[in-house]
N, C-alpha and C. Protein backbone atom coordinates (compact mmCIF):
# COMPACT_ATOMS: atom_id res chain seq x y z
N MET A 1 -1.39 31.63 -3.39
CA MET A 1 -1.71 30.60 -2.46
C MET A 1 -0.49 30.38 -1.53
N LYS A 2 -0.70 30.03 -0.20
CA LYS A 2 0.32 29.98 0.80
C LYS A 2 -0.31 29.23 2.03
N VAL A 3 0.43 28.14 2.49
CA VAL A 3 0.03 27.42 3.59
C VAL A 3 0.55 28.23 4.81
N LEU A 4 -0.43 28.76 5.57
CA LEU A 4 -0.03 29.45 6.77
C LEU A 4 0.44 28.49 8.06
N GLY A 5 -0.29 27.45 8.02
CA GLY A 5 0.06 26.39 9.14
C GLY A 5 -0.85 25.22 9.17
N ILE A 6 -0.37 24.23 9.99
CA ILE A 6 -1.22 23.12 10.02
C ILE A 6 -1.25 22.88 11.62
N ASN A 7 -2.65 22.89 12.12
CA ASN A 7 -2.91 22.70 13.61
C ASN A 7 -3.88 21.56 13.79
N SER A 8 -4.02 21.26 15.14
CA SER A 8 -4.95 20.24 15.44
C SER A 8 -4.47 19.01 14.96
N ILE A 9 -3.14 18.66 14.85
CA ILE A 9 -2.64 17.56 14.46
C ILE A 9 -2.81 16.29 15.43
N PHE A 10 -3.43 15.23 14.78
CA PHE A 10 -3.67 14.03 15.59
C PHE A 10 -3.01 12.90 14.98
N LYS A 11 -2.20 12.18 15.73
CA LYS A 11 -1.46 10.91 15.11
C LYS A 11 -2.34 9.76 15.41
N GLU A 12 -2.66 9.05 14.24
CA GLU A 12 -3.42 7.85 14.32
C GLU A 12 -2.41 6.60 14.62
N ASP A 13 -3.03 5.69 15.43
CA ASP A 13 -2.23 4.37 15.68
C ASP A 13 -1.90 3.61 14.51
N SER A 14 -0.76 3.29 14.33
CA SER A 14 -0.38 2.37 13.34
C SER A 14 0.52 1.18 13.72
N SER A 15 0.45 0.16 13.06
CA SER A 15 1.29 -1.14 13.36
C SER A 15 2.66 -1.08 12.69
N LEU A 16 2.73 -0.19 11.68
CA LEU A 16 4.05 0.08 10.94
C LEU A 16 4.78 1.03 11.53
N TYR A 17 6.08 0.66 11.92
CA TYR A 17 6.83 1.76 12.58
C TYR A 17 7.45 2.80 11.67
N TYR A 18 7.51 2.38 10.32
CA TYR A 18 8.03 3.35 9.33
C TYR A 18 7.03 4.26 8.65
N MET A 19 5.83 4.22 9.02
CA MET A 19 4.70 4.99 8.41
C MET A 19 3.75 5.60 9.55
N ASN A 20 3.59 6.78 9.57
CA ASN A 20 2.75 7.46 10.37
C ASN A 20 1.61 8.13 9.73
N HIS A 21 0.53 7.97 10.18
CA HIS A 21 -0.85 8.56 9.64
C HIS A 21 -1.39 9.79 10.62
N TYR A 22 -1.81 10.92 9.89
CA TYR A 22 -2.15 12.01 10.74
C TYR A 22 -3.41 12.62 10.06
N THR A 23 -4.27 13.20 11.02
CA THR A 23 -5.32 13.97 10.70
C THR A 23 -5.09 15.46 11.17
N ALA A 24 -5.43 16.47 10.45
CA ALA A 24 -5.13 17.82 10.96
C ALA A 24 -6.05 18.84 10.11
N ASN A 25 -5.78 20.08 10.57
CA ASN A 25 -6.49 21.19 9.74
C ASN A 25 -5.43 22.10 9.25
N ALA A 26 -5.43 22.28 8.06
CA ALA A 26 -4.58 23.26 7.28
C ALA A 26 -5.15 24.59 7.10
N VAL A 27 -4.39 25.46 7.36
CA VAL A 27 -4.85 26.92 7.22
C VAL A 27 -4.12 27.49 6.00
N ILE A 28 -4.94 27.86 4.92
CA ILE A 28 -4.52 28.08 3.65
C ILE A 28 -4.95 29.60 3.33
N GLU A 29 -3.92 30.35 2.75
CA GLU A 29 -4.27 31.73 2.27
C GLU A 29 -4.57 31.50 0.85
N LEU A 30 -5.72 31.83 0.33
CA LEU A 30 -5.88 31.87 -1.10
C LEU A 30 -5.80 33.31 -1.46
N ILE A 31 -6.17 33.61 -2.62
CA ILE A 31 -6.01 34.91 -3.18
C ILE A 31 -6.73 36.11 -2.49
N THR A 32 -8.07 35.62 -2.14
CA THR A 32 -8.86 36.67 -1.29
C THR A 32 -9.32 36.29 0.02
N GLN A 33 -8.93 35.08 0.49
CA GLN A 33 -9.49 34.49 1.76
C GLN A 33 -8.69 33.53 2.41
N LYS A 34 -8.77 33.28 3.57
CA LYS A 34 -8.20 32.25 4.30
C LYS A 34 -9.22 31.12 4.57
N VAL A 35 -8.70 29.83 4.37
CA VAL A 35 -9.58 28.66 4.35
C VAL A 35 -8.92 27.68 5.29
N ASP A 36 -9.71 27.16 6.10
CA ASP A 36 -9.46 26.07 7.18
C ASP A 36 -9.84 24.75 6.44
N LEU A 37 -8.97 23.93 6.04
CA LEU A 37 -9.06 22.81 5.23
C LEU A 37 -8.76 21.60 6.02
N PRO A 38 -9.76 20.53 6.36
CA PRO A 38 -9.33 19.35 6.93
C PRO A 38 -8.57 18.38 6.01
N VAL A 39 -7.37 17.88 6.41
CA VAL A 39 -6.56 17.08 5.69
C VAL A 39 -6.11 15.77 6.36
N ASN A 40 -5.75 14.77 5.60
CA ASN A 40 -5.13 13.52 6.14
C ASN A 40 -3.96 13.35 5.39
N PHE A 41 -2.86 13.08 6.11
CA PHE A 41 -1.64 12.95 5.55
C PHE A 41 -0.78 11.72 6.13
N SER A 42 0.19 11.29 5.38
CA SER A 42 1.10 10.15 5.93
C SER A 42 2.40 10.49 5.71
N VAL A 43 3.31 10.18 6.60
CA VAL A 43 4.76 10.20 6.38
C VAL A 43 5.45 8.88 6.48
N GLU A 44 6.16 8.37 5.40
CA GLU A 44 6.67 7.08 5.31
C GLU A 44 8.17 7.36 5.24
N ILE A 45 8.97 6.73 6.04
CA ILE A 45 10.38 6.83 6.06
C ILE A 45 10.89 5.42 5.31
N THR A 46 11.54 5.74 4.02
CA THR A 46 12.00 4.59 3.37
C THR A 46 13.39 4.01 3.99
N PRO A 47 13.69 2.79 3.54
CA PRO A 47 14.97 2.22 4.13
C PRO A 47 16.27 3.16 3.91
N LEU A 48 16.35 4.00 2.93
CA LEU A 48 17.35 4.89 2.60
C LEU A 48 17.28 6.23 3.43
N GLY A 49 16.12 6.43 4.11
CA GLY A 49 15.97 7.52 5.08
C GLY A 49 15.28 8.80 4.55
N THR A 50 14.78 8.56 3.26
CA THR A 50 13.99 9.73 2.60
C THR A 50 12.56 9.50 3.08
N ARG A 51 11.85 10.76 2.87
CA ARG A 51 10.44 10.76 3.39
C ARG A 51 9.57 10.75 2.08
N ASN A 52 8.52 9.82 2.25
CA ASN A 52 7.44 9.93 1.23
C ASN A 52 6.23 10.37 1.87
N ILE A 53 5.73 11.46 1.24
CA ILE A 53 4.58 12.12 1.99
C ILE A 53 3.32 12.04 1.04
N ASP A 54 2.23 11.67 1.55
CA ASP A 54 0.87 11.71 0.94
C ASP A 54 -0.09 12.51 1.57
N VAL A 55 -0.64 13.38 0.81
CA VAL A 55 -1.65 14.32 1.57
C VAL A 55 -3.08 14.02 0.77
N ASN A 56 -4.01 14.02 1.48
CA ASN A 56 -5.53 13.80 1.05
C ASN A 56 -6.41 14.81 1.62
N PHE A 57 -7.27 15.41 0.87
CA PHE A 57 -8.15 16.26 1.34
C PHE A 57 -9.44 16.36 0.32
N ASN A 58 -10.58 16.92 0.78
CA ASN A 58 -11.70 16.82 -0.13
C ASN A 58 -11.64 17.98 -0.99
N LYS A 59 -11.50 17.49 -2.44
CA LYS A 59 -11.32 18.48 -3.39
C LYS A 59 -12.58 19.47 -3.47
N ASP A 60 -13.69 18.94 -3.10
CA ASP A 60 -14.98 19.74 -3.29
C ASP A 60 -15.09 20.94 -2.29
N ASP A 61 -14.11 20.72 -1.16
CA ASP A 61 -14.11 21.80 -0.03
C ASP A 61 -13.51 23.12 -0.56
N ILE A 62 -12.77 23.19 -1.60
CA ILE A 62 -11.98 24.33 -2.01
C ILE A 62 -12.09 24.54 -3.47
N ASN A 63 -12.10 25.83 -3.85
CA ASN A 63 -12.13 26.19 -5.21
C ASN A 63 -10.70 26.73 -5.54
N TYR A 64 -9.81 25.84 -5.77
CA TYR A 64 -8.47 26.21 -6.11
C TYR A 64 -7.91 25.05 -6.81
N PRO A 65 -6.96 25.14 -7.80
CA PRO A 65 -6.31 24.05 -8.48
C PRO A 65 -5.62 23.17 -7.48
N VAL A 66 -5.90 21.87 -7.69
CA VAL A 66 -5.46 20.78 -6.76
C VAL A 66 -3.97 20.55 -6.85
N MET A 67 -3.44 20.55 -7.85
CA MET A 67 -1.96 20.21 -7.91
C MET A 67 -0.99 21.18 -7.12
N PRO A 68 -1.18 22.59 -7.23
CA PRO A 68 -0.26 23.38 -6.49
C PRO A 68 -0.59 23.36 -4.98
N LEU A 69 -1.87 23.19 -4.70
CA LEU A 69 -2.20 22.96 -3.26
C LEU A 69 -1.61 21.72 -2.64
N THR A 70 -1.61 20.68 -3.41
CA THR A 70 -1.00 19.34 -2.88
C THR A 70 0.39 19.55 -2.71
N LYS A 71 1.00 20.28 -3.77
CA LYS A 71 2.47 20.28 -3.67
C LYS A 71 2.87 21.21 -2.44
N ALA A 72 2.24 22.19 -2.15
CA ALA A 72 2.48 23.03 -1.10
C ALA A 72 2.26 22.43 0.22
N LEU A 73 1.31 21.60 0.40
CA LEU A 73 0.99 20.99 1.66
C LEU A 73 2.02 19.89 1.95
N LYS A 74 2.54 19.08 0.81
CA LYS A 74 3.44 18.12 1.04
C LYS A 74 4.87 18.82 1.48
N THR A 75 5.10 20.02 0.81
CA THR A 75 6.35 20.71 1.27
C THR A 75 6.26 21.22 2.71
N PHE A 76 5.12 21.62 3.23
CA PHE A 76 4.87 22.10 4.54
C PHE A 76 5.06 20.95 5.48
N VAL A 77 4.37 19.80 5.18
CA VAL A 77 4.36 18.65 6.06
C VAL A 77 5.90 18.07 6.18
N ASP A 78 6.57 18.20 4.94
CA ASP A 78 8.09 17.54 4.98
C ASP A 78 8.83 18.53 5.89
N GLU A 79 8.78 19.82 5.85
CA GLU A 79 9.48 20.71 6.85
C GLU A 79 9.12 20.38 8.27
N LEU A 80 7.78 20.23 8.61
CA LEU A 80 7.37 19.81 9.95
C LEU A 80 8.05 18.43 10.40
N SER A 81 8.14 17.58 9.45
CA SER A 81 8.74 16.34 9.79
C SER A 81 10.36 16.46 10.00
N LYS A 82 10.89 17.22 9.11
CA LYS A 82 12.39 17.51 9.21
C LYS A 82 12.66 18.05 10.68
N ASN A 83 11.83 18.98 11.03
CA ASN A 83 12.07 19.84 12.21
C ASN A 83 11.60 19.08 13.42
N GLY A 84 11.11 17.84 13.30
CA GLY A 84 10.64 17.08 14.45
C GLY A 84 9.37 17.74 15.11
N GLU A 85 8.48 18.42 14.44
CA GLU A 85 7.52 19.17 15.07
C GLU A 85 6.15 18.22 14.89
N LEU A 86 6.21 17.15 14.27
CA LEU A 86 5.07 16.22 14.35
C LEU A 86 5.01 15.24 15.40
N PRO A 87 3.78 14.94 16.06
CA PRO A 87 3.73 14.16 17.14
C PRO A 87 4.25 12.71 16.87
């Protein structure tokens, strides 16, 4: 399993300056196929400067173990946030 990319990222309006909410489509390569999975995620910056990332998606949309997929998506979103590629 590999996250190929996240596209169609839309930032939702939030009154909290330290937390951003997003909706997007994740392109994931599973063992035999590529899947386009709608995801919601949030990036929270703590007072110490670390990022807390929460990823949500419909578990019924995909036939793959949830924990490795969630971890891979969090890592990918963290890299996007570090590189300043999120709106």
